[in-house]
Amino acid sequence: MVDTLNEYIVAIYSLHKAKYGLIVVALTSVVGISVGIFTEVILRSLGISGER
């Protein structure tokens, strides 16, 4: 599965640089949002609130 995804990303990079750029920006955004939500859940479970 990962190999197929890897080959797809390489093919997109080779054929369509703009589409590759959009995919990278989208994936980076998704990872950033996921890390933020995960951190928020962990901190709230520890009783730490970011609000004042």
Protein backbone atom coordinates (compact mmCIF):
# COMPACT_ATOMS: atom_id res chain seq x y z
CA MET A 1 0.00 0.00 0.00
CA VAL A 2 2.73 2.45 0.96
CA ASP A 3 4.73 1.49 -2.12
CA THR A 4 1.76 2.21 -4.36
CA LEU A 5 1.21 5.58 -2.69
CA ASN A 6 4.92 6.34 -3.07
CA GLU A 7 4.83 5.49 -6.78
CA TYR A 8 1.73 7.66 -7.23
CA ILE A 9 3.42 10.65 -5.59
CA VAL A 10 6.53 10.18 -7.76
CA ALA A 11 4.37 9.98 -10.89
CA ILE A 12 2.45 13.13 -9.94
CA TYR A 13 5.74 14.94 -9.29
CA SER A 14 7.09 13.90 -12.68
CA LEU A 15 3.96 14.78 -14.66
CA HIS A 16 2.23 17.66 -12.84
CA LYS A 17 4.38 19.88 -10.63
CA ALA A 18 1.45 22.17 -9.72
CA LYS A 19 -0.75 19.24 -8.64
CA TYR A 20 2.16 17.86 -6.61
CA GLY A 21 2.53 21.23 -4.88
CA LEU A 22 -1.16 21.30 -3.99
CA ILE A 23 -0.99 17.76 -2.61
CA VAL A 24 2.03 18.64 -0.47
CA VAL A 25 0.34 21.78 0.91
CA ALA A 26 -2.85 19.83 1.66
CA LEU A 27 -0.99 17.00 3.39
CA THR A 28 1.10 19.45 5.41
CA SER A 29 -2.08 21.22 6.53
CA VAL A 30 -3.74 17.96 7.54
CA VAL A 31 -0.69 16.86 9.53
CA GLY A 32 -0.47 20.24 11.28
CA ILE A 33 -4.14 20.24 12.23
CA SER A 34 -3.86 16.62 13.43
CA VAL A 35 -0.87 17.44 15.65
CA GLY A 36 -2.71 20.45 17.09
CA ILE A 37 -5.85 18.46 17.90
CA PHE A 38 -3.83 15.58 19.38
CA THR A 39 -1.88 18.00 21.56
CA GLU A 40 -5.08 19.72 22.67
CA VAL A 41 -6.64 16.39 23.67
CA ILE A 42 -3.56 15.30 25.60
CA LEU A 43 -3.23 18.63 27.45
CA ARG A 44 -6.93 18.70 28.34
CA SER A 45 -6.71 15.14 29.65
CA LEU A 46 -3.89 16.32 31.91
CA GLY A 47 -6.05 19.22 33.11
CA ILE A 48 -4.09 21.93 31.33
CA SER A 49 -6.21 24.47 29.53
CA GLY A 50 -4.83 26.93 27.00
CA GLU A 51 -7.61 29.44 27.70
CA ARG A 52 -7.17 32.15 30.31
